[in-house]
Amino acid sequence: MADCSPWQPRRPCEAYRAEWKLCRSARHFLHHYYFHGERPACEQWRRDLASFRDWEERQSAEAQRSLCESEQARVQAARKHILVWALRQSPPADWHLPLPQEDE
């Protein structure tokens, strides 16, 4: 992991609170359960909020390290998802032709 020594949080405290509140909402629970078949894990958002408050109040090195690692893990998780579809540079050569009709 990268060095986080001259680190400032990228998000304000309210952003962590909003993410935690959203994660605990009934709408998010139903959406997450429908798509993933399991309850959403909101514990990380609660830990991030607590770490941010600790860092804000006492400039705690442990809280700074925890927040830095959490943000880096979030960035790495976002990067690991690749595009499913290959993006086109130009349309297919026969895009203007009528579609073939299916025989019934």
C-alpha atoms as a PDB file:
ATOM      1  CA  MET A   1       0.000   0.000   0.000  1.00  0.00           C
ATOM      2  CA  ALA A   2       1.070   3.564  -0.583  1.00  0.00           C
ATOM      3  CA  ASP A   3       2.473   5.817   2.115  1.00  0.00           C
ATOM      4  CA  CYS A   4      -0.234   7.915   3.782  1.00  0.00           C
ATOM      5  CA  SER A   5       1.961  10.189   5.930  1.00  0.00           C
ATOM      6  CA  PRO A   6       1.008  13.630   4.454  1.00  0.00           C
ATOM      7  CA  TRP A   7      -2.557  12.456   4.132  1.00  0.00           C
ATOM      8  CA  GLN A   8      -5.755  14.459   4.309  1.00  0.00           C
ATOM      9  CA  PRO A   9      -9.147  12.734   4.032  1.00  0.00           C
ATOM     10  CA  ARG A  10     -10.584  12.929   0.536  1.00  0.00           C
ATOM     11  CA  ARG A  11     -14.124  13.052   1.832  1.00  0.00           C
ATOM     12  CA  PRO A  12     -15.748  15.229   4.464  1.00  0.00           C
ATOM     13  CA  CYS A  13     -17.120  13.602   7.603  1.00  0.00           C
ATOM     14  CA  GLU A  14     -20.659  14.055   6.327  1.00  0.00           C
ATOM     15  CA  ALA A  15     -19.883  11.835   3.315  1.00  0.00           C
ATOM     16  CA  TYR A  16     -18.990   8.892   5.582  1.00  0.00           C
ATOM     17  CA  ARG A  17     -22.125   9.511   7.645  1.00  0.00           C
ATOM     18  CA  ALA A  18     -24.290   9.650   4.497  1.00  0.00           C
ATOM     19  CA  GLU A  19     -22.782   6.414   3.134  1.00  0.00           C
ATOM     20  CA  TRP A  20     -23.382   4.636   6.441  1.00  0.00           C
ATOM     21  CA  LYS A  21     -26.941   5.946   6.631  1.00  0.00           C
ATOM     22  CA  LEU A  22     -27.633   4.877   3.026  1.00  0.00           C
ATOM     23  CA  CYS A  23     -26.176   1.430   3.654  1.00  0.00           C
ATOM     24  CA  ARG A  24     -28.527   0.934   6.610  1.00  0.00           C
ATOM     25  CA  SER A  25     -31.648   2.125   4.740  1.00  0.00           C
ATOM     26  CA  ALA A  26     -34.452  -0.289   3.874  1.00  0.00           C
ATOM     27  CA  ARG A  27     -34.281   0.606   0.186  1.00  0.00           C
ATOM     28  CA  HIS A  28     -30.565  -0.207  -0.021  1.00  0.00           C
ATOM     29  CA  PHE A  29     -31.095  -3.412   1.959  1.00  0.00           C
ATOM     30  CA  LEU A  30     -33.779  -4.634  -0.449  1.00  0.00           C
ATOM     31  CA  HIS A  31     -31.761  -3.622  -3.521  1.00  0.00           C
ATOM     32  CA  HIS A  32     -28.580  -5.295  -2.271  1.00  0.00           C
ATOM     33  CA  TYR A  33     -30.406  -8.431  -1.133  1.00  0.00           C
ATOM     34  CA  TYR A  34     -32.205  -8.717  -4.473  1.00  0.00           C
ATOM     35  CA  PHE A  35     -29.028  -8.419  -6.556  1.00  0.00           C
ATOM     36  CA  HIS A  36     -26.493 -10.177  -4.321  1.00  0.00           C
ATOM     37  CA  GLY A  37     -28.622 -12.535  -2.217  1.00  0.00           C
ATOM     38  CA  GLU A  38     -27.082 -11.347   1.040  1.00  0.00           C
ATOM     39  CA  ARG A  39     -27.350  -8.510   3.500  1.00  0.00           C
ATOM     40  CA  PRO A  40     -25.193  -5.451   2.769  1.00  0.00           C
ATOM     41  CA  ALA A  41     -22.045  -5.113   4.880  1.00  0.00           C
ATOM     42  CA  CYS A  42     -22.295  -1.681   6.495  1.00  0.00           C
ATOM     43  CA  GLU A  43     -19.664  -2.260   9.161  1.00  0.00           C
ATOM     44  CA  GLN A  44     -16.844  -0.748   7.090  1.00  0.00           C
ATOM     45  CA  TRP A  45     -18.744   2.537   6.681  1.00  0.00           C
ATOM     46  CA  ARG A  46     -19.317   2.661  10.459  1.00  0.00           C
ATOM     47  CA  ARG A  47     -15.611   2.004  11.102  1.00  0.00           C
ATOM     48  CA  ASP A  48     -14.650   4.696   8.569  1.00  0.00           C
ATOM     49  CA  LEU A  49     -16.955   7.213  10.249  1.00  0.00           C
ATOM     50  CA  ALA A  50     -15.545   6.381  13.686  1.00  0.00           C
ATOM     51  CA  SER A  51     -11.975   6.573  12.362  1.00  0.00           C
ATOM     52  CA  PHE A  52     -12.668   9.913  10.710  1.00  0.00           C
ATOM     53  CA  ARG A  53     -14.069  11.339  13.934  1.00  0.00           C
ATOM     54  CA  ASP A  54     -11.073  10.000  15.863  1.00  0.00           C
ATOM     55  CA  TRP A  55      -8.666  11.480  13.328  1.00  0.00           C
ATOM     56  CA  GLU A  56     -10.517  14.801  13.344  1.00  0.00           C
ATOM     57  CA  GLU A  57     -10.526  15.071  17.162  1.00  0.00           C
ATOM     58  CA  ARG A  58      -7.112  13.638  18.084  1.00  0.00           C
ATOM     59  CA  GLN A  59      -5.142  13.360  14.824  1.00  0.00           C
ATOM     60  CA  SER A  60      -4.757   9.664  15.673  1.00  0.00           C
ATOM     61  CA  ALA A  61      -2.177   7.846  13.538  1.00  0.00           C
ATOM     62  CA  GLU A  62      -4.163   4.608  13.831  1.00  0.00           C
ATOM     63  CA  ALA A  63      -7.321   6.318  12.555  1.00  0.00           C
ATOM     64  CA  GLN A  64      -5.355   7.905   9.709  1.00  0.00           C
ATOM     65  CA  ARG A  65      -3.916   4.522   8.702  1.00  0.00           C
ATOM     66  CA  SER A  66      -7.336   2.877   8.906  1.00  0.00           C
ATOM     67  CA  LEU A  67      -8.978   5.538   6.718  1.00  0.00           C
ATOM     68  CA  CYS A  68      -6.128   5.498   4.217  1.00  0.00           C
ATOM     69  CA  GLU A  69      -6.256   1.715   3.847  1.00  0.00           C
ATOM     70  CA  SER A  70     -10.033   1.771   3.539  1.00  0.00           C
ATOM     71  CA  GLU A  71      -9.947   4.380   0.766  1.00  0.00           C
ATOM     72  CA  GLN A  72      -7.200   2.488  -1.067  1.00  0.00           C
ATOM     73  CA  ALA A  73      -9.171  -0.775  -0.800  1.00  0.00           C
ATOM     74  CA  ARG A  74     -12.241   1.006  -2.198  1.00  0.00           C
ATOM     75  CA  VAL A  75     -10.213   2.323  -5.164  1.00  0.00           C
ATOM     76  CA  GLN A  76      -8.702  -1.125  -5.822  1.00  0.00           C
ATOM     77  CA  ALA A  77     -12.144  -2.764  -5.695  1.00  0.00           C
ATOM     78  CA  ALA A  78     -13.468  -0.268  -8.247  1.00  0.00           C
ATOM     79  CA  ARG A  79     -10.513  -0.922 -10.552  1.00  0.00           C
ATOM     80  CA  LYS A  80     -10.877  -4.699 -10.546  1.00  0.00           C
ATOM     81  CA  HIS A  81     -14.233  -4.611 -12.340  1.00  0.00           C
ATOM     82  CA  ILE A  82     -13.564  -4.624 -16.058  1.00  0.00           C
ATOM     83  CA  LEU A  83     -15.967  -3.763 -18.844  1.00  0.00           C
ATOM     84  CA  VAL A  84     -18.033  -6.711 -20.017  1.00  0.00           C
ATOM     85  CA  TRP A  85     -18.598  -5.338 -23.491  1.00  0.00           C
ATOM     86  CA  ALA A  86     -15.867  -4.275 -25.871  1.00  0.00           C
ATOM     87  CA  LEU A  87     -16.441  -0.661 -26.911  1.00  0.00           C
ATOM     88  CA  ARG A  88     -16.723  -0.024 -30.644  1.00  0.00           C
ATOM     89  CA  GLN A  89     -14.626   2.496 -32.484  1.00  0.00           C
ATOM     90  CA  SER A  90     -17.060   2.621 -35.411  1.00  0.00           C
ATOM     91  CA  PRO A  91     -20.465   1.085 -36.274  1.00  0.00           C
ATOM     92  CA  PRO A  92     -20.695  -2.255 -38.107  1.00  0.00           C
ATOM     93  CA  ALA A  93     -20.437  -2.037 -41.884  1.00  0.00           C
ATOM     94  CA  ASP A  94     -24.006  -3.313 -42.402  1.00  0.00           C
ATOM     95  CA  TRP A  95     -25.707  -1.227 -39.721  1.00  0.00           C
ATOM     96  CA  HIS A  96     -28.024   0.464 -42.238  1.00  0.00           C
ATOM     97  CA  LEU A  97     -29.454  -2.769 -43.711  1.00  0.00           C
ATOM     98  CA  PRO A  98     -32.874  -3.981 -42.527  1.00  0.00           C
ATOM     99  CA  LEU A  99     -32.896  -6.667 -39.873  1.00  0.00           C
ATOM    100  CA  PRO A 100     -33.641 -10.203 -41.037  1.00  0.00           C
ATOM    101  CA  GLN A 101     -37.220 -11.201 -40.337  1.00  0.00           C
ATOM    102  CA  GLU A 102     -37.697 -14.365 -38.338  1.00  0.00           C
ATOM    103  CA  ASP A 103     -39.847 -17.051 -39.952  1.00  0.00           C
ATOM    104  CA  GLU A 104     -42.762 -18.063 -37.804  1.00  0.00           C
END
